[in-house]
Amino acid sequence: MLGYPWPFPGRPPKHDLSTWTVTDDWPEHVPVTEAEVEVFERWFADLFDGLFGPCR
């Protein structure tokens, strides 16, 4: 419901999100192939240039 401040009128959420716990079960090192890096560089080049500056 855009245009209305939070909380929105209506039924409350089923779960209390303040009690949720987020855990990280990824390994310390995640292997990435050159092809995967190239896909990110191609699709997000403008974003990366804006964040880190252009490649030299």
PDB file of N, CA and C in Angstrom:
ATOM      1  N   MET A   1       0.847  -1.184   0.000  1.00  0.00           N
ATOM      2  CA  MET A   1       0.000   0.000   0.000  1.00  0.00           C
ATOM      3  C   MET A   1       0.886   1.238   0.000  1.00  0.00           C
ATOM      4  N   LEU A   2       1.255   1.652  -1.156  1.00  0.00           N
ATOM      5  CA  LEU A   2       2.110   2.824  -1.257  1.00  0.00           C
ATOM      6  C   LEU A   2       1.309   4.065  -0.888  1.00  0.00           C
ATOM      7  N   GLY A   3       1.973   5.005  -0.281  1.00  0.00           N
ATOM      8  CA  GLY A   3       1.321   6.242   0.110  1.00  0.00           C
ATOM      9  C   GLY A   3       0.847   6.244   1.550  1.00  0.00           C
ATOM     10  N   TYR A   4       0.897   5.098   2.214  1.00  0.00           N
ATOM     11  CA  TYR A   4       0.491   5.027   3.607  1.00  0.00           C
ATOM     12  C   TYR A   4       1.707   4.754   4.473  1.00  0.00           C
ATOM     13  N   PRO A   5       1.779   5.402   5.652  1.00  0.00           N
ATOM     14  CA  PRO A   5       2.932   5.141   6.535  1.00  0.00           C
ATOM     15  C   PRO A   5       2.843   3.745   7.142  1.00  0.00           C
ATOM     16  N   TRP A   6       3.976   3.252   7.568  1.00  0.00           N
ATOM     17  CA  TRP A   6       4.042   1.961   8.245  1.00  0.00           C
ATOM     18  C   TRP A   6       3.581   2.146   9.671  1.00  0.00           C
ATOM     19  N   PRO A   7       2.883   1.304  10.332  1.00  0.00           N
ATOM     20  CA  PRO A   7       2.414   0.015   9.843  1.00  0.00           C
ATOM     21  C   PRO A   7       1.161   0.177   8.983  1.00  0.00           C
ATOM     22  N   PHE A   8       1.040  -0.683   8.000  1.00  0.00           N
ATOM     23  CA  PHE A   8      -0.127  -0.664   7.136  1.00  0.00           C
ATOM     24  C   PHE A   8      -1.331  -1.198   7.908  1.00  0.00           C
ATOM     25  N   PRO A   9      -2.512  -0.691   7.595  1.00  0.00           N
ATOM     26  CA  PRO A   9      -3.695  -1.238   8.255  1.00  0.00           C
ATOM     27  C   PRO A   9      -3.937  -2.671   7.796  1.00  0.00           C
ATOM     28  N   GLY A  10      -4.503  -3.466   8.648  1.00  0.00           N
ATOM     29  CA  GLY A  10      -4.802  -4.840   8.271  1.00  0.00           C
ATOM     30  C   GLY A  10      -4.216  -5.835   9.239  1.00  0.00           C
ATOM     31  N   ARG A  11      -4.132  -7.062   8.782  1.00  0.00           N
ATOM     32  CA  ARG A  11      -3.671  -8.169   9.608  1.00  0.00           C
ATOM     33  C   ARG A  11      -2.176  -8.041   9.899  1.00  0.00           C
ATOM     34  N   PRO A  12      -1.741  -8.299  11.134  1.00  0.00           N
ATOM     35  CA  PRO A  12      -0.309  -8.250  11.452  1.00  0.00           C
ATOM     36  C   PRO A  12       0.425  -9.424  10.807  1.00  0.00           C
ATOM     37  N   PRO A  13       1.751  -9.329  10.645  1.00  0.00           N
ATOM     38  CA  PRO A  13       2.503 -10.445  10.066  1.00  0.00           C
ATOM     39  C   PRO A  13       2.373 -11.698  10.930  1.00  0.00           C
ATOM     40  N   LYS A  14       2.470 -12.864  10.275  1.00  0.00           N
ATOM     41  CA  LYS A  14       2.341 -14.130  10.986  1.00  0.00           C
ATOM     42  C   LYS A  14       3.537 -14.412  11.893  1.00  0.00           C
ATOM     43  N   HIS A  15       4.696 -13.889  11.518  1.00  0.00           N
ATOM     44  CA  HIS A  15       5.915 -14.177  12.273  1.00  0.00           C
ATOM     45  C   HIS A  15       6.521 -12.873  12.769  1.00  0.00           C
ATOM     46  N   ASP A  16       7.052 -12.899  13.963  1.00  0.00           N
ATOM     47  CA  ASP A  16       7.751 -11.740  14.503  1.00  0.00           C
ATOM     48  C   ASP A  16       9.172 -11.748  13.939  1.00  0.00           C
ATOM     49  N   LEU A  17       9.434 -10.891  12.967  1.00  0.00           N
ATOM     50  CA  LEU A  17      10.733 -10.883  12.289  1.00  0.00           C
ATOM     51  C   LEU A  17      11.879 -10.490  13.214  1.00  0.00           C
ATOM     52  N   SER A  18      11.596  -9.831  14.319  1.00  0.00           N
ATOM     53  CA  SER A  18      12.673  -9.442  15.228  1.00  0.00           C
ATOM     54  C   SER A  18      13.299 -10.642  15.917  1.00  0.00           C
ATOM     55  N   THR A  19      12.643 -11.781  15.885  1.00  0.00           N
ATOM     56  CA  THR A  19      13.202 -12.980  16.524  1.00  0.00           C
ATOM     57  C   THR A  19      13.948 -13.865  15.539  1.00  0.00           C
ATOM     58  N   TRP A  20      13.946 -13.526  14.254  1.00  0.00           N
ATOM     59  CA  TRP A  20      14.637 -14.330  13.247  1.00  0.00           C
ATOM     60  C   TRP A  20      16.145 -14.190  13.415  1.00  0.00           C
ATOM     61  N   THR A  21      16.867 -15.261  13.077  1.00  0.00           N
ATOM     62  CA  THR A  21      18.316 -15.256  13.094  1.00  0.00           C
ATOM     63  C   THR A  21      18.819 -15.562  11.688  1.00  0.00           C
ATOM     64  N   VAL A  22      19.757 -14.757  11.214  1.00  0.00           N
ATOM     65  CA  VAL A  22      20.354 -14.976   9.903  1.00  0.00           C
ATOM     66  C   VAL A  22      21.712 -15.629  10.116  1.00  0.00           C
ATOM     67  N   THR A  23      21.932 -16.756   9.437  1.00  0.00           N
ATOM     68  CA  THR A  23      23.209 -17.447   9.558  1.00  0.00           C
ATOM     69  C   THR A  23      23.880 -17.541   8.189  1.00  0.00           C
ATOM     70  N   ASP A  24      25.171 -17.631   8.211  1.00  0.00           N
ATOM     71  CA  ASP A  24      25.970 -17.732   6.993  1.00  0.00           C
ATOM     72  C   ASP A  24      26.594 -19.107   6.968  1.00  0.00           C
ATOM     73  N   ASP A  25      26.129 -19.957   6.038  1.00  0.00           N
ATOM     74  CA  ASP A  25      26.687 -21.297   5.969  1.00  0.00           C
ATOM     75  C   ASP A  25      27.516 -21.495   4.700  1.00  0.00           C
ATOM     76  N   TRP A  26      27.936 -20.398   4.090  1.00  0.00           N
ATOM     77  CA  TRP A  26      28.802 -20.490   2.912  1.00  0.00           C
ATOM     78  C   TRP A  26      30.206 -20.865   3.346  1.00  0.00           C
ATOM     79  N   PRO A  27      30.934 -21.575   2.481  1.00  0.00           N
ATOM     80  CA  PRO A  27      32.333 -21.868   2.809  1.00  0.00           C
ATOM     81  C   PRO A  27      33.155 -20.582   2.806  1.00  0.00           C
ATOM     82  N   GLU A  28      34.313 -20.629   3.435  1.00  0.00           N
ATOM     83  CA  GLU A  28      35.160 -19.432   3.521  1.00  0.00           C
ATOM     84  C   GLU A  28      35.581 -18.960   2.133  1.00  0.00           C
ATOM     85  N   HIS A  29      35.922 -19.881   1.254  1.00  0.00           N
ATOM     86  CA  HIS A  29      36.320 -19.552  -0.115  1.00  0.00           C
ATOM     87  C   HIS A  29      35.332 -20.187  -1.083  1.00  0.00           C
ATOM     88  N   VAL A  30      34.777 -19.362  -1.966  1.00  0.00           N
ATOM     89  CA  VAL A  30      33.825 -19.845  -2.956  1.00  0.00           C
ATOM     90  C   VAL A  30      34.509 -19.783  -4.320  1.00  0.00           C
ATOM     91  N   PRO A  31      34.653 -20.928  -4.990  1.00  0.00           N
ATOM     92  CA  PRO A  31      35.329 -20.917  -6.287  1.00  0.00           C
ATOM     93  C   PRO A  31      34.491 -20.185  -7.341  1.00  0.00           C
ATOM     94  N   VAL A  32      35.165 -19.384  -8.160  1.00  0.00           N
ATOM     95  CA  VAL A  32      34.524 -18.628  -9.233  1.00  0.00           C
ATOM     96  C   VAL A  32      35.348 -18.816 -10.497  1.00  0.00           C
ATOM     97  N   THR A  33      34.674 -19.111 -11.603  1.00  0.00           N
ATOM     98  CA  THR A  33      35.386 -19.322 -12.860  1.00  0.00           C
ATOM     99  C   THR A  33      35.607 -17.995 -13.575  1.00  0.00           C
ATOM    100  N   GLU A  34      36.537 -17.987 -14.517  1.00  0.00           N
ATOM    101  CA  GLU A  34      36.789 -16.791 -15.331  1.00  0.00           C
ATOM    102  C   GLU A  34      35.530 -16.385 -16.090  1.00  0.00           C
ATOM    103  N   ALA A  35      34.775 -17.375 -16.587  1.00  0.00           N
ATOM    104  CA  ALA A  35      33.539 -17.081 -17.325  1.00  0.00           C
ATOM    105  C   ALA A  35      32.543 -16.339 -16.435  1.00  0.00           C
ATOM    106  N   GLU A  36      32.437 -16.716 -15.173  1.00  0.00           N
ATOM    107  CA  GLU A  36      31.527 -16.031 -14.248  1.00  0.00           C
ATOM    108  C   GLU A  36      31.976 -14.598 -14.009  1.00  0.00           C
ATOM    109  N   VAL A  37      33.270 -14.383 -13.853  1.00  0.00           N
ATOM    110  CA  VAL A  37      33.797 -13.030 -13.663  1.00  0.00           C
ATOM    111  C   VAL A  37      33.501 -12.177 -14.894  1.00  0.00           C
ATOM    112  N   GLU A  38      33.678 -12.745 -16.081  1.00  0.00           N
ATOM    113  CA  GLU A  38      33.420 -12.003 -17.317  1.00  0.00           C
ATOM    114  C   GLU A  38      31.958 -11.614 -17.450  1.00  0.00           C
ATOM    115  N   VAL A  39      31.050 -12.479 -17.028  1.00  0.00           N
ATOM    116  CA  VAL A  39      29.616 -12.144 -17.080  1.00  0.00           C
ATOM    117  C   VAL A  39      29.330 -10.953 -16.183  1.00  0.00           C
ATOM    118  N   PHE A  40      29.846 -10.963 -14.951  1.00  0.00           N
ATOM    119  CA  PHE A  40      29.621  -9.841 -14.045  1.00  0.00           C
ATOM    120  C   PHE A  40      30.244  -8.562 -14.591  1.00  0.00           C
ATOM    121  N   GLU A  41      31.448  -8.665 -15.118  1.00  0.00           N
ATOM    122  CA  GLU A  41      32.109  -7.475 -15.661  1.00  0.00           C
ATOM    123  C   GLU A  41      31.328  -6.905 -16.834  1.00  0.00           C
ATOM    124  N   ARG A  42      30.776  -7.784 -17.676  1.00  0.00           N
ATOM    125  CA  ARG A  42      30.034  -7.311 -18.847  1.00  0.00           C
ATOM    126  C   ARG A  42      28.718  -6.644 -18.433  1.00  0.00           C
ATOM    127  N   TRP A  43      27.951  -7.279 -17.540  1.00  0.00           N
ATOM    128  CA  TRP A  43      26.637  -6.765 -17.174  1.00  0.00           C
ATOM    129  C   TRP A  43      26.708  -5.601 -16.199  1.00  0.00           C
ATOM    130  N   PHE A  44      27.699  -5.577 -15.327  1.00  0.00           N
ATOM    131  CA  PHE A  44      27.751  -4.560 -14.276  1.00  0.00           C
ATOM    132  C   PHE A  44      28.923  -3.597 -14.439  1.00  0.00           C
ATOM    133  N   ALA A  45      29.480  -3.496 -15.644  1.00  0.00           N
ATOM    134  CA  ALA A  45      30.659  -2.650 -15.874  1.00  0.00           C
ATOM    135  C   ALA A  45      30.391  -1.206 -15.467  1.00  0.00           C
ATOM    136  N   ASP A  46      29.246  -0.644 -15.853  1.00  0.00           N
ATOM    137  CA  ASP A  46      28.938   0.748 -15.510  1.00  0.00           C
ATOM    138  C   ASP A  46      28.839   0.947 -13.999  1.00  0.00           C
ATOM    139  N   LEU A  47      28.221  -0.004 -13.328  1.00  0.00           N
ATOM    140  CA  LEU A  47      28.101   0.081 -11.870  1.00  0.00           C
ATOM    141  C   LEU A  47      29.473  -0.006 -11.214  1.00  0.00           C
ATOM    142  N   PHE A  48      30.286  -0.984 -11.663  1.00  0.00           N
ATOM    143  CA  PHE A  48      31.625  -1.143 -11.093  1.00  0.00           C
ATOM    144  C   PHE A  48      32.489   0.087 -11.352  1.00  0.00           C
ATOM    145  N   ASP A  49      32.395   0.661 -12.553  1.00  0.00           N
ATOM    146  CA  ASP A  49      33.159   1.874 -12.862  1.00  0.00           C
ATOM    147  C   ASP A  49      32.737   3.020 -11.951  1.00  0.00           C
ATOM    148  N   GLY A  50      31.440   3.127 -11.675  1.00  0.00           N
ATOM    149  CA  GLY A  50      30.953   4.178 -10.792  1.00  0.00           C
ATOM    150  C   GLY A  50      31.431   3.991  -9.359  1.00  0.00           C
ATOM    151  N   LEU A  51      31.518   2.738  -8.919  1.00  0.00           N
ATOM    152  CA  LEU A  51      31.940   2.463  -7.546  1.00  0.00           C
ATOM    153  C   LEU A  51      33.455   2.523  -7.364  1.00  0.00           C
ATOM    154  N   PHE A  52      34.193   1.942  -8.323  1.00  0.00           N
ATOM    155  CA  PHE A  52      35.635   1.769  -8.152  1.00  0.00           C
ATOM    156  C   PHE A  52      36.477   2.567  -9.125  1.00  0.00           C
ATOM    157  N   GLY A  53      35.856   3.230 -10.081  1.00  0.00           N
ATOM    158  CA  GLY A  53      36.591   3.942 -11.103  1.00  0.00           C
ATOM    159  C   GLY A  53      36.831   3.056 -12.309  1.00  0.00           C
ATOM    160  N   PRO A  54      37.083   3.650 -13.460  1.00  0.00           N
ATOM    161  CA  PRO A  54      37.280   2.857 -14.676  1.00  0.00           C
ATOM    162  C   PRO A  54      38.567   2.037 -14.624  1.00  0.00           C
ATOM    163  N   CYS A  55      38.569   0.948 -15.387  1.00  0.00           N
ATOM    164  CA  CYS A  55      39.774   0.121 -15.494  1.00  0.00           C
ATOM    165  C   CYS A  55      40.839   0.887 -16.264  1.00  0.00           C
ATOM    166  N   ARG A  56      42.073   0.609 -15.943  1.00  0.00           N
ATOM    167  CA  ARG A  56      43.169   1.300 -16.638  1.00  0.00           C
ATOM    168  C   ARG A  56      43.730   0.457 -17.719  1.00  0.00           C
TER     169      ARG A  56
END
